[in-house]
């Protein structure tokens, strides 16, 4: 990964992570409700990361690329059920989880795009 690609990935991934964290924080009291907002954020991030490496992805290809995230979505939903209903605490935990998972997914995808695996 060149320095320029890394800089572009950094901007794309962090913007998506902040957006996902905001969605997670705002919708913490309703388990699973943030998926409708976070999924398009992650799809856009995936397609944008592909462009950095000269890979054109359709929405369905981007969905396949982030398909492994399904397990973490279950984990996020569990934390929402356990503590999401607690105002403040649930919002903070859900925001942190959504942002962290999006950040991790973004860098994983960037490394795979760089290797030419996706």
N, C-alpha and C. Protein backbone atom coordinates (compact mmCIF):
# COMPACT_ATOMS: atom_id res chain seq x y z
N UNK A 1 0.86 -1.17 0.00
CA UNK A 1 0.00 0.00 0.00
C UNK A 1 0.91 1.23 0.00
N UNK A 2 0.68 2.10 -0.96
CA UNK A 2 1.49 3.31 -1.03
C UNK A 2 1.05 4.29 0.07
N UNK A 3 1.90 5.29 0.30
CA UNK A 3 1.56 6.30 1.30
C UNK A 3 0.28 7.05 0.90
N UNK A 4 0.13 7.32 -0.39
CA UNK A 4 -1.06 8.02 -0.87
C UNK A 4 -2.32 7.17 -0.68
N UNK A 5 -2.23 5.87 -0.98
CA UNK A 5 -3.37 4.97 -0.77
C UNK A 5 -3.73 4.89 0.71
N UNK A 6 -2.71 4.81 1.56
CA UNK A 6 -2.95 4.73 2.99
C UNK A 6 -3.64 5.99 3.50
N UNK A 7 -3.23 7.15 2.99
CA UNK A 7 -3.84 8.42 3.38
C UNK A 7 -5.31 8.45 2.97
N UNK A 8 -5.61 8.00 1.75
CA UNK A 8 -6.99 7.97 1.28
C UNK A 8 -7.82 6.98 2.10
N UNK A 9 -7.26 5.82 2.37
CA UNK A 9 -7.96 4.81 3.18
C UNK A 9 -8.26 5.36 4.57
N UNK A 10 -7.28 6.01 5.15
CA UNK A 10 -7.44 6.60 6.48
C UNK A 10 -8.64 7.54 6.50
N UNK A 11 -8.73 8.42 5.51
CA UNK A 11 -9.84 9.38 5.46
C UNK A 11 -11.18 8.67 5.28
N UNK A 12 -11.24 7.70 4.39
CA UNK A 12 -12.48 6.97 4.11
C UNK A 12 -12.94 6.19 5.35
N UNK A 13 -12.01 5.45 5.92
CA UNK A 13 -12.34 4.58 7.07
C UNK A 13 -12.75 5.40 8.28
N UNK A 14 -12.01 6.45 8.58
CA UNK A 14 -12.35 7.24 9.77
C UNK A 14 -13.67 7.99 9.60
N UNK A 15 -13.94 8.47 8.40
CA UNK A 15 -15.24 9.13 8.17
C UNK A 15 -16.38 8.14 8.37
N UNK A 16 -16.22 6.93 7.85
CA UNK A 16 -17.26 5.90 8.01
C UNK A 16 -17.40 5.49 9.48
N UNK A 17 -16.29 5.39 10.18
CA UNK A 17 -16.34 4.99 11.59
C UNK A 17 -17.06 6.04 12.45
N UNK A 18 -16.78 7.31 12.18
CA UNK A 18 -17.45 8.39 12.91
C UNK A 18 -18.94 8.36 12.62
N UNK A 19 -19.30 8.17 11.35
CA UNK A 19 -20.72 8.12 10.98
C UNK A 19 -21.41 6.92 11.64
N UNK A 20 -20.75 5.77 11.62
CA UNK A 20 -21.33 4.57 12.24
C UNK A 20 -21.46 4.75 13.75
N UNK A 21 -20.46 5.35 14.36
CA UNK A 21 -20.53 5.62 15.80
C UNK A 21 -21.68 6.55 16.15
N UNK A 22 -21.88 7.57 15.32
CA UNK A 22 -23.00 8.50 15.54
C UNK A 22 -24.34 7.79 15.43
N UNK A 23 -24.46 6.92 14.42
CA UNK A 23 -25.70 6.16 14.26
C UNK A 23 -25.90 5.22 15.44
N UNK A 24 -24.83 4.59 15.87
CA UNK A 24 -24.92 3.67 17.00
C UNK A 24 -25.33 4.38 18.28
N UNK A 25 -24.77 5.56 18.48
CA UNK A 25 -25.10 6.32 19.70
C UNK A 25 -26.55 6.77 19.70
N UNK A 26 -27.01 7.21 18.56
CA UNK A 26 -28.35 7.76 18.48
C UNK A 26 -29.46 6.74 18.53
N UNK A 27 -29.14 5.49 18.24
CA UNK A 27 -30.19 4.47 18.14
C UNK A 27 -29.99 3.33 19.13
N UNK A 28 -29.26 3.58 20.19
CA UNK A 28 -28.90 2.51 21.12
C UNK A 28 -30.08 1.88 21.85
N UNK A 29 -31.13 2.63 22.10
CA UNK A 29 -32.21 2.11 22.91
C UNK A 29 -33.14 1.14 22.15
N UNK A 30 -32.97 1.03 20.85
CA UNK A 30 -33.79 0.10 20.06
C UNK A 30 -32.85 -0.91 19.41
N UNK A 31 -32.70 -2.10 19.99
CA UNK A 31 -31.75 -3.09 19.48
C UNK A 31 -31.95 -3.37 17.99
N UNK A 32 -30.83 -3.31 17.26
CA UNK A 32 -30.85 -3.64 15.84
C UNK A 32 -31.28 -2.52 14.93
N UNK A 33 -31.80 -1.43 15.50
CA UNK A 33 -32.34 -0.36 14.65
C UNK A 33 -31.25 0.37 13.87
N UNK A 34 -30.04 0.39 14.40
CA UNK A 34 -28.97 1.11 13.72
C UNK A 34 -28.42 0.37 12.51
N UNK A 35 -28.77 -0.90 12.36
CA UNK A 35 -28.29 -1.67 11.20
C UNK A 35 -28.74 -1.05 9.88
N UNK A 36 -29.93 -0.48 9.85
CA UNK A 36 -30.45 0.14 8.63
C UNK A 36 -29.63 1.35 8.22
N UNK A 37 -28.96 1.97 9.17
CA UNK A 37 -28.13 3.14 8.88
C UNK A 37 -26.66 2.74 8.71
N UNK A 38 -26.17 1.86 9.55
CA UNK A 38 -24.76 1.48 9.54
C UNK A 38 -24.40 0.66 8.30
N UNK A 39 -25.28 -0.21 7.86
CA UNK A 39 -24.98 -1.05 6.69
C UNK A 39 -24.69 -0.20 5.45
N UNK A 40 -25.52 0.79 5.10
CA UNK A 40 -25.17 1.63 3.94
C UNK A 40 -23.86 2.40 4.12
N UNK A 41 -23.56 2.80 5.35
CA UNK A 41 -22.28 3.48 5.61
C UNK A 41 -21.13 2.55 5.29
N UNK A 42 -21.23 1.30 5.74
CA UNK A 42 -20.17 0.33 5.50
C UNK A 42 -20.09 -0.07 4.02
N UNK A 43 -21.22 -0.13 3.35
CA UNK A 43 -21.21 -0.43 1.91
C UNK A 43 -20.50 0.69 1.14
N UNK A 44 -20.82 1.92 1.47
CA UNK A 44 -20.18 3.06 0.82
C UNK A 44 -18.68 3.05 1.08
N UNK A 45 -18.30 2.76 2.32
CA UNK A 45 -16.88 2.68 2.67
C UNK A 45 -16.19 1.61 1.84
N UNK A 46 -16.81 0.44 1.72
CA UNK A 46 -16.22 -0.68 0.97
C UNK A 46 -16.03 -0.31 -0.50
N UNK A 47 -17.04 0.27 -1.10
CA UNK A 47 -16.95 0.67 -2.52
C UNK A 47 -15.87 1.74 -2.69
N UNK A 48 -15.81 2.69 -1.76
CA UNK A 48 -14.81 3.76 -1.83
C UNK A 48 -13.39 3.21 -1.67
N UNK A 49 -13.21 2.26 -0.76
CA UNK A 49 -11.90 1.65 -0.58
C UNK A 49 -11.48 0.89 -1.84
N UNK A 50 -12.43 0.22 -2.47
CA UNK A 50 -12.13 -0.48 -3.71
C UNK A 50 -11.59 0.48 -4.76
N UNK A 51 -12.19 1.66 -4.85
CA UNK A 51 -11.77 2.66 -5.84
C UNK A 51 -10.33 3.11 -5.60
N UNK A 52 -9.92 3.18 -4.34
CA UNK A 52 -8.54 3.57 -4.01
C UNK A 52 -7.55 2.60 -4.67
N UNK A 53 -7.94 1.34 -4.76
CA UNK A 53 -7.05 0.31 -5.31
C UNK A 53 -7.42 -0.08 -6.74
N UNK A 54 -8.27 0.71 -7.38
CA UNK A 54 -8.64 0.46 -8.76
C UNK A 54 -9.59 -0.70 -8.94
N UNK A 55 -10.34 -1.04 -7.89
CA UNK A 55 -11.29 -2.15 -7.94
C UNK A 55 -12.70 -1.55 -7.98
N UNK A 56 -13.46 -1.92 -8.99
CA UNK A 56 -14.84 -1.46 -9.10
C UNK A 56 -15.75 -2.52 -8.52
N UNK A 57 -16.53 -2.12 -7.53
CA UNK A 57 -17.44 -3.06 -6.86
C UNK A 57 -18.88 -2.64 -7.09
N UNK A 58 -19.72 -3.61 -7.35
CA UNK A 58 -21.15 -3.35 -7.36
C UNK A 58 -21.62 -3.41 -5.91
N UNK A 59 -22.84 -2.99 -5.68
CA UNK A 59 -23.37 -3.06 -4.31
C UNK A 59 -23.41 -4.50 -3.82
N UNK A 60 -23.76 -5.44 -4.69
CA UNK A 60 -23.83 -6.84 -4.26
C UNK A 60 -22.44 -7.39 -3.95
N UNK A 61 -21.42 -6.96 -4.71
CA UNK A 61 -20.06 -7.40 -4.41
C UNK A 61 -19.58 -6.80 -3.10
N UNK A 62 -19.95 -5.55 -2.85
CA UNK A 62 -19.58 -4.92 -1.58
C UNK A 62 -20.26 -5.63 -0.41
N UNK A 63 -21.51 -6.02 -0.61
CA UNK A 63 -22.22 -6.76 0.45
C UNK A 63 -21.53 -8.08 0.73
N UNK A 64 -21.07 -8.75 -0.30
CA UNK A 64 -20.36 -10.02 -0.11
C UNK A 64 -19.04 -9.77 0.63
N UNK A 65 -18.37 -8.67 0.30
CA UNK A 65 -17.10 -8.36 0.95
C UNK A 65 -17.25 -8.11 2.44
N UNK A 66 -18.39 -7.56 2.85
CA UNK A 66 -18.59 -7.30 4.28
C UNK A 66 -19.47 -8.36 4.93
N UNK A 67 -19.77 -9.42 4.23
CA UNK A 67 -20.63 -10.48 4.76
C UNK A 67 -20.14 -11.07 6.06
N UNK A 68 -18.83 -11.10 6.24
CA UNK A 68 -18.29 -11.67 7.48
C UNK A 68 -18.63 -10.82 8.69
N UNK A 69 -19.10 -9.63 8.46
CA UNK A 69 -19.46 -8.75 9.57
C UNK A 69 -20.75 -9.19 10.26
N UNK A 70 -21.46 -10.12 9.66
CA UNK A 70 -22.73 -10.57 10.25
C UNK A 70 -22.56 -11.05 11.69
N UNK A 71 -21.48 -11.74 11.96
CA UNK A 71 -21.25 -12.23 13.32
C UNK A 71 -21.08 -11.08 14.30
N UNK A 72 -20.40 -10.03 13.88
CA UNK A 72 -20.21 -8.90 14.79
C UNK A 72 -21.50 -8.13 14.98
N UNK A 73 -22.38 -8.16 13.98
CA UNK A 73 -23.68 -7.51 14.12
C UNK A 73 -24.47 -8.20 15.22
N UNK A 74 -24.37 -9.51 15.28
CA UNK A 74 -25.03 -10.27 16.35
C UNK A 74 -24.46 -9.83 17.70
N UNK A 75 -23.15 -9.69 17.77
CA UNK A 75 -22.51 -9.26 19.01
C UNK A 75 -22.96 -7.87 19.43
N UNK A 76 -23.08 -6.96 18.45
CA UNK A 76 -23.53 -5.61 18.75
C UNK A 76 -24.96 -5.62 19.25
N UNK A 77 -25.79 -6.46 18.64
CA UNK A 77 -27.18 -6.56 19.07
C UNK A 77 -27.27 -7.09 20.50
N UNK A 78 -26.43 -8.05 20.85
CA UNK A 78 -26.43 -8.59 22.20
C UNK A 78 -26.08 -7.49 23.20
N UNK A 79 -25.06 -6.68 22.89
CA UNK A 79 -24.71 -5.61 23.82
C UNK A 79 -25.84 -4.59 23.93
N UNK A 80 -26.56 -4.37 22.83
CA UNK A 80 -27.69 -3.45 22.88
C UNK A 80 -28.78 -3.98 23.80
N UNK A 81 -29.06 -5.26 23.73
CA UNK A 81 -30.09 -5.87 24.56
C UNK A 81 -29.68 -5.81 26.03
N UNK A 82 -28.40 -6.07 26.31
CA UNK A 82 -27.95 -6.10 27.69
C UNK A 82 -27.85 -4.73 28.34
N UNK A 83 -27.28 -3.76 27.64
CA UNK A 83 -27.07 -2.45 28.25
C UNK A 83 -27.57 -1.28 27.41
N UNK A 84 -28.01 -1.54 26.19
CA UNK A 84 -28.43 -0.47 25.28
C UNK A 84 -29.58 0.36 25.80
N UNK A 85 -30.41 -0.21 26.61
CA UNK A 85 -31.58 0.50 27.11
C UNK A 85 -31.22 1.49 28.22
N UNK A 86 -30.01 1.43 28.74
CA UNK A 86 -29.59 2.35 29.80
C UNK A 86 -29.12 3.65 29.14
N UNK A 87 -29.87 4.73 29.32
CA UNK A 87 -29.47 6.00 28.69
C UNK A 87 -28.05 6.40 29.07
N UNK A 88 -27.32 6.85 28.12
CA UNK A 88 -25.93 7.26 28.34
C UNK A 88 -24.97 6.11 28.19
N UNK A 89 -25.08 5.13 29.07
CA UNK A 89 -24.19 3.96 29.04
C UNK A 89 -24.39 3.18 27.74
N UNK A 90 -25.63 2.89 27.43
CA UNK A 90 -25.93 2.13 26.22
C UNK A 90 -25.52 2.88 24.97
N UNK A 91 -25.73 4.18 24.97
CA UNK A 91 -25.35 5.00 23.82
C UNK A 91 -23.83 4.96 23.62
N UNK A 92 -23.09 5.11 24.69
CA UNK A 92 -21.63 5.12 24.60
C UNK A 92 -21.09 3.76 24.14
N UNK A 93 -21.62 2.70 24.70
CA UNK A 93 -21.16 1.36 24.32
C UNK A 93 -21.51 1.06 22.87
N UNK A 94 -22.72 1.37 22.46
CA UNK A 94 -23.13 1.10 21.10
C UNK A 94 -22.33 1.93 20.09
N UNK A 95 -22.07 3.19 20.42
CA UNK A 95 -21.28 4.05 19.53
C UNK A 95 -19.86 3.52 19.39
N UNK A 96 -19.26 3.14 20.51
CA UNK A 96 -17.90 2.62 20.49
C UNK A 96 -17.82 1.31 19.71
N UNK A 97 -18.78 0.44 19.90
CA UNK A 97 -18.80 -0.84 19.19
C UNK A 97 -18.98 -0.64 17.69
N UNK A 98 -19.94 0.19 17.31
CA UNK A 98 -20.20 0.43 15.88
C UNK A 98 -18.99 1.06 15.21
N UNK A 99 -18.38 2.05 15.85
CA UNK A 99 -17.22 2.72 15.27
C UNK A 99 -16.03 1.77 15.19
N UNK A 100 -15.80 1.01 16.25
CA UNK A 100 -14.67 0.07 16.29
C UNK A 100 -14.79 -1.03 15.24
N UNK A 101 -15.98 -1.57 15.10
CA UNK A 101 -16.19 -2.62 14.10
C UNK A 101 -16.04 -2.07 12.68
N UNK A 102 -16.52 -0.87 12.45
CA UNK A 102 -16.40 -0.26 11.12
C UNK A 102 -14.94 0.02 10.82
N UNK A 103 -14.21 0.53 11.79
CA UNK A 103 -12.77 0.81 11.63
C UNK A 103 -12.02 -0.49 11.31
N UNK A 104 -12.27 -1.53 12.08
CA UNK A 104 -11.60 -2.82 11.86
C UNK A 104 -11.93 -3.39 10.49
N UNK A 105 -13.20 -3.35 10.13
CA UNK A 105 -13.63 -3.85 8.83
C UNK A 105 -12.93 -3.07 7.71
N UNK A 106 -12.87 -1.75 7.85
CA UNK A 106 -12.26 -0.92 6.82
C UNK A 106 -10.80 -1.27 6.58
N UNK A 107 -10.03 -1.41 7.64
CA UNK A 107 -8.61 -1.73 7.46
C UNK A 107 -8.41 -3.15 6.96
N UNK A 108 -9.25 -4.06 7.39
CA UNK A 108 -9.18 -5.43 6.87
C UNK A 108 -9.44 -5.43 5.36
N UNK A 109 -10.47 -4.72 4.94
CA UNK A 109 -10.79 -4.65 3.51
C UNK A 109 -9.68 -3.95 2.73
N UNK A 110 -9.13 -2.87 3.28
CA UNK A 110 -8.05 -2.15 2.60
C UNK A 110 -6.85 -3.07 2.37
N UNK A 111 -6.50 -3.86 3.37
CA UNK A 111 -5.37 -4.80 3.23
C UNK A 111 -5.67 -5.87 2.18
N UNK A 112 -6.91 -6.33 2.16
CA UNK A 112 -7.28 -7.34 1.17
C UNK A 112 -7.29 -6.76 -0.24
N UNK A 113 -7.79 -5.53 -0.40
CA UNK A 113 -7.76 -4.87 -1.70
C UNK A 113 -6.32 -4.67 -2.15
N UNK A 114 -5.45 -4.29 -1.22
CA UNK A 114 -4.05 -4.06 -1.54
C UNK A 114 -3.38 -5.35 -2.03
N UNK A 115 -3.74 -6.47 -1.44
CA UNK A 115 -3.20 -7.77 -1.85
C UNK A 115 -3.81 -8.27 -3.14
N UNK A 116 -4.93 -7.65 -3.54
CA UNK A 116 -5.63 -8.12 -4.74
C UNK A 116 -6.54 -9.30 -4.48
N UNK A 117 -6.91 -9.52 -3.22
CA UNK A 117 -7.76 -10.67 -2.87
C UNK A 117 -9.23 -10.41 -3.05
N UNK A 118 -9.64 -9.16 -3.24
CA UNK A 118 -11.06 -8.87 -3.40
C UNK A 118 -11.33 -8.23 -4.73
